[in-house]
PDB file of N, CA and C in Angstrom:
ATOM      1  N   MET A   1     110.716 165.732 140.820  1.00  0.00           N
ATOM      2  CA  MET A   1     110.085 166.510 139.844  1.00  0.00           C
ATOM      3  C   MET A   1     109.194 165.376 139.139  1.00  0.00           C
ATOM      4  N   ASN A   2     107.983 165.751 138.417  1.00  0.00           N
ATOM      5  CA  ASN A   2     106.999 164.749 138.314  1.00  0.00           C
ATOM      6  C   ASN A   2     107.288 164.673 136.524  1.00  0.00           C
ATOM      7  N   VAL A   3     106.917 163.658 135.945  1.00  0.00           N
ATOM      8  CA  VAL A   3     106.852 163.444 134.847  1.00  0.00           C
ATOM      9  C   VAL A   3     106.709 164.606 133.773  1.00  0.00           C
ATOM     10  N   GLY A   4     105.355 165.241 134.308  1.00  0.00           N
ATOM     11  CA  GLY A   4     104.693 166.170 133.233  1.00  0.00           C
ATOM     12  C   GLY A   4     105.708 167.383 133.306  1.00  0.00           C
ATOM     13  N   LYS A   5     105.965 167.657 134.387  1.00  0.00           N
ATOM     14  CA  LYS A   5     106.790 168.935 134.736  1.00  0.00           C
ATOM     15  C   LYS A   5     108.208 168.737 133.797  1.00  0.00           C
ATOM     16  N   PHE A   6     108.991 167.699 134.163  1.00  0.00           N
ATOM     17  CA  PHE A   6     110.303 167.183 133.258  1.00  0.00           C
ATOM     18  C   PHE A   6     109.772 167.384 131.716  1.00  0.00           C
ATOM     19  N   GLN A   7     108.732 166.800 131.379  1.00  0.00           N
ATOM     20  CA  GLN A   7     108.680 166.786 129.831  1.00  0.00           C
ATOM     21  C   GLN A   7     108.342 168.298 129.395  1.00  0.00           C
ATOM     22  N   LYS A   8     107.838 169.023 130.037  1.00  0.00           N
ATOM     23  CA  LYS A   8     107.652 170.450 129.643  1.00  0.00           C
ATOM     24  C   LYS A   8     108.911 171.237 129.869  1.00  0.00           C
ATOM     25  N   GLU A   9     109.614 170.949 130.816  1.00  0.00           N
ATOM     26  CA  GLU A   9     110.874 171.439 130.717  1.00  0.00           C
ATOM     27  C   GLU A   9     111.751 170.990 129.483  1.00  0.00           C
ATOM     28  N   LEU A  10     111.697 169.958 129.232  1.00  0.00           N
ATOM     29  CA  LEU A  10     112.616 169.210 128.231  1.00  0.00           C
ATOM     30  C   LEU A  10     111.962 169.832 127.091  1.00  0.00           C
ATOM     31  N   GLN A  11     110.748 170.046 126.742  1.00  0.00           N
ATOM     32  CA  GLN A  11     110.178 170.593 125.470  1.00  0.00           C
ATOM     33  C   GLN A  11     110.596 172.243 125.362  1.00  0.00           C
ATOM     34  N   ASN A  12     110.852 172.796 126.142  1.00  0.00           N
ATOM     35  CA  ASN A  12     110.917 174.303 126.163  1.00  0.00           C
ATOM     36  C   ASN A  12     112.426 174.181 126.074  1.00  0.00           C
ATOM     37  N   THR A  13     113.308 173.627 126.512  1.00  0.00           N
ATOM     38  CA  THR A  13     114.789 173.563 126.314  1.00  0.00           C
ATOM     39  C   THR A  13     115.103 173.374 125.061  1.00  0.00           C
ATOM     40  N   MET A  14     114.365 172.268 124.444  1.00  0.00           N
ATOM     41  CA  MET A  14     114.878 171.879 123.035  1.00  0.00           C
ATOM     42  C   MET A  14     114.377 172.998 122.079  1.00  0.00           C
ATOM     43  N   LEU A  15     113.134 173.582 122.293  1.00  0.00           N
ATOM     44  CA  LEU A  15     112.726 174.478 121.347  1.00  0.00           C
ATOM     45  C   LEU A  15     113.374 175.943 121.311  1.00  0.00           C
ATOM     46  N   ILE A  16     113.863 176.244 122.805  1.00  0.00           N
ATOM     47  CA  ILE A  16     114.494 177.549 122.745  1.00  0.00           C
ATOM     48  C   ILE A  16     116.085 177.245 122.117  1.00  0.00           C
ATOM     49  N   GLY A  17     116.535 175.963 122.734  1.00  0.00           N
ATOM     50  CA  GLY A  17     117.966 175.748 122.457  1.00  0.00           C
ATOM     51  C   GLY A  17     118.191 175.770 120.616  1.00  0.00           C
ATOM     52  N   ARG A  18     117.193 175.069 120.169  1.00  0.00           N
ATOM     53  CA  ARG A  18     117.152 175.033 118.998  1.00  0.00           C
ATOM     54  C   ARG A  18     117.031 176.265 118.113  1.00  0.00           C
ATOM     55  N   LYS A  19     115.850 177.083 118.414  1.00  0.00           N
ATOM     56  CA  LYS A  19     115.808 178.454 117.947  1.00  0.00           C
ATOM     57  C   LYS A  19     117.284 179.271 118.238  1.00  0.00           C
ATOM     58  N   ASN A  20     117.686 179.405 119.404  1.00  0.00           N
ATOM     59  CA  ASN A  20     119.055 179.950 119.630  1.00  0.00           C
ATOM     60  C   ASN A  20     120.303 179.475 118.704  1.00  0.00           C
ATOM     61  N   LYS A  21     120.023 178.411 118.286  1.00  0.00           N
ATOM     62  CA  LYS A  21     121.285 177.719 117.462  1.00  0.00           C
ATOM     63  C   LYS A  21     120.850 178.137 116.026  1.00  0.00           C
ATOM     64  N   LYS A  22     119.589 178.534 115.833  1.00  0.00           N
ATOM     65  CA  LYS A  22     119.285 178.690 114.627  1.00  0.00           C
ATOM     66  C   LYS A  22     119.161 177.480 113.422  1.00  0.00           C
ATOM     67  N   TRP A  23     118.761 176.283 114.056  1.00  0.00           N
ATOM     68  CA  TRP A  23     118.626 175.246 113.605  1.00  0.00           C
ATOM     69  C   TRP A  23     117.152 174.572 113.227  1.00  0.00           C
ATOM     70  N   THR A  24     116.922 173.974 112.170  1.00  0.00           N
ATOM     71  CA  THR A  24     115.484 173.423 111.740  1.00  0.00           C
ATOM     72  C   THR A  24     115.565 172.069 112.756  1.00  0.00           C
ATOM     73  N   GLN A  25     114.313 171.655 112.653  1.00  0.00           N
ATOM     74  CA  GLN A  25     114.159 170.501 113.164  1.00  0.00           C
ATOM     75  C   GLN A  25     114.955 169.186 112.804  1.00  0.00           C
ATOM     76  N   VAL A  26     115.219 169.311 111.481  1.00  0.00           N
ATOM     77  CA  VAL A  26     115.951 168.397 110.823  1.00  0.00           C
ATOM     78  C   VAL A  26     117.462 168.481 111.232  1.00  0.00           C
ATOM     79  N   GLU A  27     117.899 169.762 111.599  1.00  0.00           N
ATOM     80  CA  GLU A  27     119.301 169.867 111.896  1.00  0.00           C
ATOM     81  C   GLU A  27     119.602 169.391 113.259  1.00  0.00           C
ATOM     82  N   ALA A  28     118.703 169.759 114.264  1.00  0.00           N
ATOM     83  CA  ALA A  28     118.602 169.321 115.472  1.00  0.00           C
ATOM     84  C   ALA A  28     118.585 168.037 115.697  1.00  0.00           C
ATOM     85  N   ALA A  29     117.752 167.173 114.876  1.00  0.00           N
ATOM     86  CA  ALA A  29     117.409 165.962 114.783  1.00  0.00           C
ATOM     87  C   ALA A  29     118.662 164.889 114.594  1.00  0.00           C
ATOM     88  N   GLU A  30     119.410 165.585 113.461  1.00  0.00           N
ATOM     89  CA  GLU A  30     120.468 164.895 113.013  1.00  0.00           C
ATOM     90  C   GLU A  30     121.867 165.115 113.898  1.00  0.00           C
ATOM     91  N   GLN A  31     121.930 166.089 114.948  1.00  0.00           N
ATOM     92  CA  GLN A  31     122.814 166.210 116.046  1.00  0.00           C
ATOM     93  C   GLN A  31     122.590 165.328 116.994  1.00  0.00           C
ATOM     94  N   LEU A  32     121.165 164.969 117.094  1.00  0.00           N
ATOM     95  CA  LEU A  32     120.975 163.827 118.315  1.00  0.00           C
ATOM     96  C   LEU A  32     120.650 162.156 117.758  1.00  0.00           C
ATOM     97  N   GLY A  33     120.874 162.058 116.260  1.00  0.00           N
ATOM     98  CA  GLY A  33     120.822 161.040 115.565  1.00  0.00           C
ATOM     99  C   GLY A  33     119.353 160.168 115.788  1.00  0.00           C
ATOM    100  N   ILE A  34     118.352 161.184 115.667  1.00  0.00           N
ATOM    101  CA  ILE A  34     117.100 160.594 115.489  1.00  0.00           C
ATOM    102  C   ILE A  34     116.499 161.233 114.278  1.00  0.00           C
ATOM    103  N   SER A  35     115.190 160.527 113.881  1.00  0.00           N
ATOM    104  CA  SER A  35     114.395 161.233 112.649  1.00  0.00           C
ATOM    105  C   SER A  35     114.033 162.559 113.080  1.00  0.00           C
ATOM    106  N   ARG A  36     113.398 163.490 112.161  1.00  0.00           N
ATOM    107  CA  ARG A  36     112.951 164.751 112.359  1.00  0.00           C
ATOM    108  C   ARG A  36     111.649 164.437 113.006  1.00  0.00           C
ATOM    109  N   SER A  37     110.769 163.428 112.636  1.00  0.00           N
ATOM    110  CA  SER A  37     109.531 163.097 113.064  1.00  0.00           C
ATOM    111  C   SER A  37     109.745 162.992 114.524  1.00  0.00           C
ATOM    112  N   TYR A  38     110.595 161.814 114.849  1.00  0.00           N
ATOM    113  CA  TYR A  38     110.607 161.920 116.356  1.00  0.00           C
ATOM    114  C   TYR A  38     111.042 162.859 117.103  1.00  0.00           C
ATOM    115  N   TYR A  39     111.998 163.734 116.666  1.00  0.00           N
ATOM    116  CA  TYR A  39     112.312 164.840 117.407  1.00  0.00           C
ATOM    117  C   TYR A  39     111.212 166.003 117.602  1.00  0.00           C
ATOM    118  N   SER A  40     110.410 165.925 116.668  1.00  0.00           N
ATOM    119  CA  SER A  40     109.000 166.806 116.773  1.00  0.00           C
ATOM    120  C   SER A  40     108.258 166.223 117.630  1.00  0.00           C
ATOM    121  N   GLU A  41     108.161 164.846 117.774  1.00  0.00           N
ATOM    122  CA  GLU A  41     107.176 164.400 118.924  1.00  0.00           C
ATOM    123  C   GLU A  41     107.478 164.562 120.354  1.00  0.00           C
ATOM    124  N   ILE A  42     108.978 164.676 120.340  1.00  0.00           N
ATOM    125  CA  ILE A  42     109.513 165.161 121.690  1.00  0.00           C
ATOM    126  C   ILE A  42     109.463 166.533 121.971  1.00  0.00           C
ATOM    127  N   GLU A  43     109.673 167.377 121.146  1.00  0.00           N
ATOM    128  CA  GLU A  43     109.509 168.970 121.359  1.00  0.00           C
ATOM    129  C   GLU A  43     108.186 169.170 121.682  1.00  0.00           C
ATOM    130  N   THR A  44     107.234 168.772 120.867  1.00  0.00           N
ATOM    131  CA  THR A  44     105.663 168.988 121.128  1.00  0.00           C
ATOM    132  C   THR A  44     105.140 168.269 122.269  1.00  0.00           C
ATOM    133  N   GLY A  45     106.024 167.344 122.929  1.00  0.00           N
ATOM    134  CA  GLY A  45     105.314 166.463 124.126  1.00  0.00           C
ATOM    135  C   GLY A  45     104.646 165.390 123.645  1.00  0.00           C
ATOM    136  N   ILE A  46     104.676 164.859 122.528  1.00  0.00           N
ATOM    137  CA  ILE A  46     103.700 163.550 122.249  1.00  0.00           C
ATOM    138  C   ILE A  46     104.569 162.291 122.771  1.00  0.00           C
ATOM    139  N   SER A  47     105.513 162.543 122.730  1.00  0.00           N
ATOM    140  CA  SER A  47     106.701 161.182 123.054  1.00  0.00           C
ATOM    141  C   SER A  47     107.513 161.918 124.206  1.00  0.00           C
ATOM    142  N   LEU A  48     107.929 160.810 124.978  1.00  0.00           N
ATOM    143  CA  LEU A  48     108.840 161.116 126.024  1.00  0.00           C
ATOM    144  C   LEU A  48     110.160 160.146 125.896  1.00  0.00           C
ATOM    145  N   PRO A  49     111.295 160.660 125.580  1.00  0.00           N
ATOM    146  CA  PRO A  49     112.413 159.982 125.183  1.00  0.00           C
ATOM    147  C   PRO A  49     112.930 159.062 126.269  1.00  0.00           C
ATOM    148  N   SER A  50     113.730 158.201 125.889  1.00  0.00           N
ATOM    149  CA  SER A  50     114.547 157.307 126.774  1.00  0.00           C
ATOM    150  C   SER A  50     115.471 157.958 127.501  1.00  0.00           C
ATOM    151  N   LEU A  51     115.901 157.472 128.786  1.00  0.00           N
ATOM    152  CA  LEU A  51     117.100 158.193 129.420  1.00  0.00           C
ATOM    153  C   LEU A  51     118.323 158.502 128.769  1.00  0.00           C
ATOM    154  N   SER A  52     118.895 157.507 127.932  1.00  0.00           N
ATOM    155  CA  SER A  52     119.943 157.627 126.962  1.00  0.00           C
ATOM    156  C   SER A  52     119.788 158.702 126.112  1.00  0.00           C
ATOM    157  N   LEU A  53     118.714 158.855 125.540  1.00  0.00           N
ATOM    158  CA  LEU A  53     118.204 159.971 124.636  1.00  0.00           C
ATOM    159  C   LEU A  53     118.280 161.294 125.415  1.00  0.00           C
ATOM    160  N   VAL A  54     117.796 161.309 126.671  1.00  0.00           N
ATOM    161  CA  VAL A  54     117.793 162.812 127.612  1.00  0.00           C
ATOM    162  C   VAL A  54     119.160 163.232 127.891  1.00  0.00           C
ATOM    163  N   ILE A  55     120.068 162.108 128.088  1.00  0.00           N
ATOM    164  CA  ILE A  55     121.365 162.451 128.227  1.00  0.00           C
ATOM    165  C   ILE A  55     121.848 163.217 126.888  1.00  0.00           C
ATOM    166  N   LYS A  56     121.463 162.420 125.773  1.00  0.00           N
ATOM    167  CA  LYS A  56     122.209 163.076 124.589  1.00  0.00           C
ATOM    168  C   LYS A  56     121.622 164.553 124.432  1.00  0.00           C
ATOM    169  N   ILE A  57     120.389 164.605 124.475  1.00  0.00           N
ATOM    170  CA  ILE A  57     119.559 166.081 124.381  1.00  0.00           C
ATOM    171  C   ILE A  57     120.376 166.852 125.349  1.00  0.00           C
ATOM    172  N   ASN A  58     120.624 166.649 126.589  1.00  0.00           N
ATOM    173  CA  ASN A  58     121.368 167.314 127.460  1.00  0.00           C
ATOM    174  C   ASN A  58     122.791 167.938 127.016  1.00  0.00           C
ATOM    175  N   SER A  59     123.326 166.765 126.241  1.00  0.00           N
ATOM    176  CA  SER A  59     124.755 167.477 125.738  1.00  0.00           C
ATOM    177  C   SER A  59     124.653 168.408 124.656  1.00  0.00           C
ATOM    178  N   VAL A  60     123.269 168.478 123.660  1.00  0.00           N
ATOM    179  CA  VAL A  60     123.514 169.353 122.796  1.00  0.00           C
ATOM    180  C   VAL A  60     122.568 170.571 123.069  1.00  0.00           C
ATOM    181  N   PHE A  61     121.701 170.377 124.147  1.00  0.00           N
ATOM    182  CA  PHE A  61     120.720 171.609 124.577  1.00  0.00           C
ATOM    183  C   PHE A  61     120.746 171.394 126.181  1.00  0.00           C
ATOM    184  N   PRO A  62     121.802 171.942 126.934  1.00  0.00           N
ATOM    185  CA  PRO A  62     121.991 171.660 128.511  1.00  0.00           C
ATOM    186  C   PRO A  62     120.656 172.170 129.225  1.00  0.00           C
ATOM    187  N   PHE A  63     120.034 171.434 130.110  1.00  0.00           N
ATOM    188  CA  PHE A  63     119.309 171.908 130.743  1.00  0.00           C
ATOM    189  C   PHE A  63     119.218 172.022 132.420  1.00  0.00           C
ATOM    190  N   PHE A  64     119.229 170.469 132.685  1.00  0.00           N
ATOM    191  CA  PHE A  64     119.527 170.772 134.329  1.00  0.00           C
ATOM    192  C   PHE A  64     120.212 169.350 134.838  1.00  0.00           C
ATOM    193  N   LEU A  65     120.482 168.535 133.878  1.00  0.00           N
ATOM    194  CA  LEU A  65     121.385 167.354 134.435  1.00  0.00           C
ATOM    195  C   LEU A  65     122.768 167.445 134.647  1.00  0.00           C
ATOM    196  N   LEU A  66     123.265 167.222 135.987  1.00  0.00           N
ATOM    197  CA  LEU A  66     124.691 167.158 136.051  1.00  0.00           C
ATOM    198  C   LEU A  66     125.204 165.864 135.545  1.00  0.00           C
ATOM    199  N   ILE A  67     126.305 165.905 134.881  1.00  0.00           N
ATOM    200  CA  ILE A  67     127.084 164.806 134.248  1.00  0.00           C
ATOM    201  C   ILE A  67     128.431 164.965 134.899  1.00  0.00           C
ATOM    202  N   ASN A  68     128.656 163.863 135.495  1.00  0.00           N
ATOM    203  CA  ASN A  68     130.337 164.013 136.047  1.00  0.00           C
ATOM    204  C   ASN A  68     130.990 163.107 135.190  1.00  0.00           C
ATOM    205  N   ASP A  69     132.121 163.795 134.643  1.00  0.00           N
ATOM    206  CA  ASP A  69     133.073 163.317 133.541  1.00  0.00           C
ATOM    207  C   ASP A  69     134.622 163.439 134.358  1.00  0.00           C
ATOM    208  N   ALA A  70     134.725 162.452 135.101  1.00  0.00           N
ATOM    209  CA  ALA A  70     136.127 162.270 135.872  1.00  0.00           C
ATOM    210  C   ALA A  70     136.135 163.658 136.804  1.00  0.00           C
ATOM    211  N   ASP A  71     136.998 164.461 136.372  1.00  0.00           N
ATOM    212  CA  ASP A  71     137.053 165.742 137.314  1.00  0.00           C
ATOM    213  C   ASP A  71     136.259 166.816 136.972  1.00  0.00           C
ATOM    214  N   ARG A  72     135.570 166.770 135.877  1.00  0.00           N
ATOM    215  CA  ARG A  72     134.623 167.742 135.279  1.00  0.00           C
ATOM    216  C   ARG A  72     133.199 167.643 135.780  1.00  0.00           C
ATOM    217  N   VAL A  73     132.600 168.958 136.063  1.00  0.00           N
ATOM    218  CA  VAL A  73     131.190 168.432 135.842  1.00  0.00           C
ATOM    219  C   VAL A  73     130.518 169.376 135.098  1.00  0.00           C
ATOM    220  N   PHE A  74     129.433 168.846 134.481  1.00  0.00           N
ATOM    221  CA  PHE A  74     128.898 169.753 133.239  1.00  0.00           C
ATOM    222  C   PHE A  74     127.494 170.037 133.824  1.00  0.00           C
ATOM    223  N   ILE A  75     126.812 171.221 133.478  1.00  0.00           N
ATOM    224  CA  ILE A  75     125.490 171.674 134.059  1.00  0.00           C
ATOM    225  C   ILE A  75     124.781 172.047 132.461  1.00  0.00           C
TER     226      ILE A  75
END
């Protein structure tokens, strides 16, 4: 997957996930431990987060990463 496609997938996942949870950007940012402005930059495609933040985002808004936790696999 190229970076542009990944970024678009991440943006869509964050936007749809946040709306499904009925969260504001402030609430979503708090869940991720980042500022609202940085959250907005990621959700709108201005910034690309670090791998560690992508993993955090995936734990709040699961999209496609597989994370192996001992004997459990999360999708």
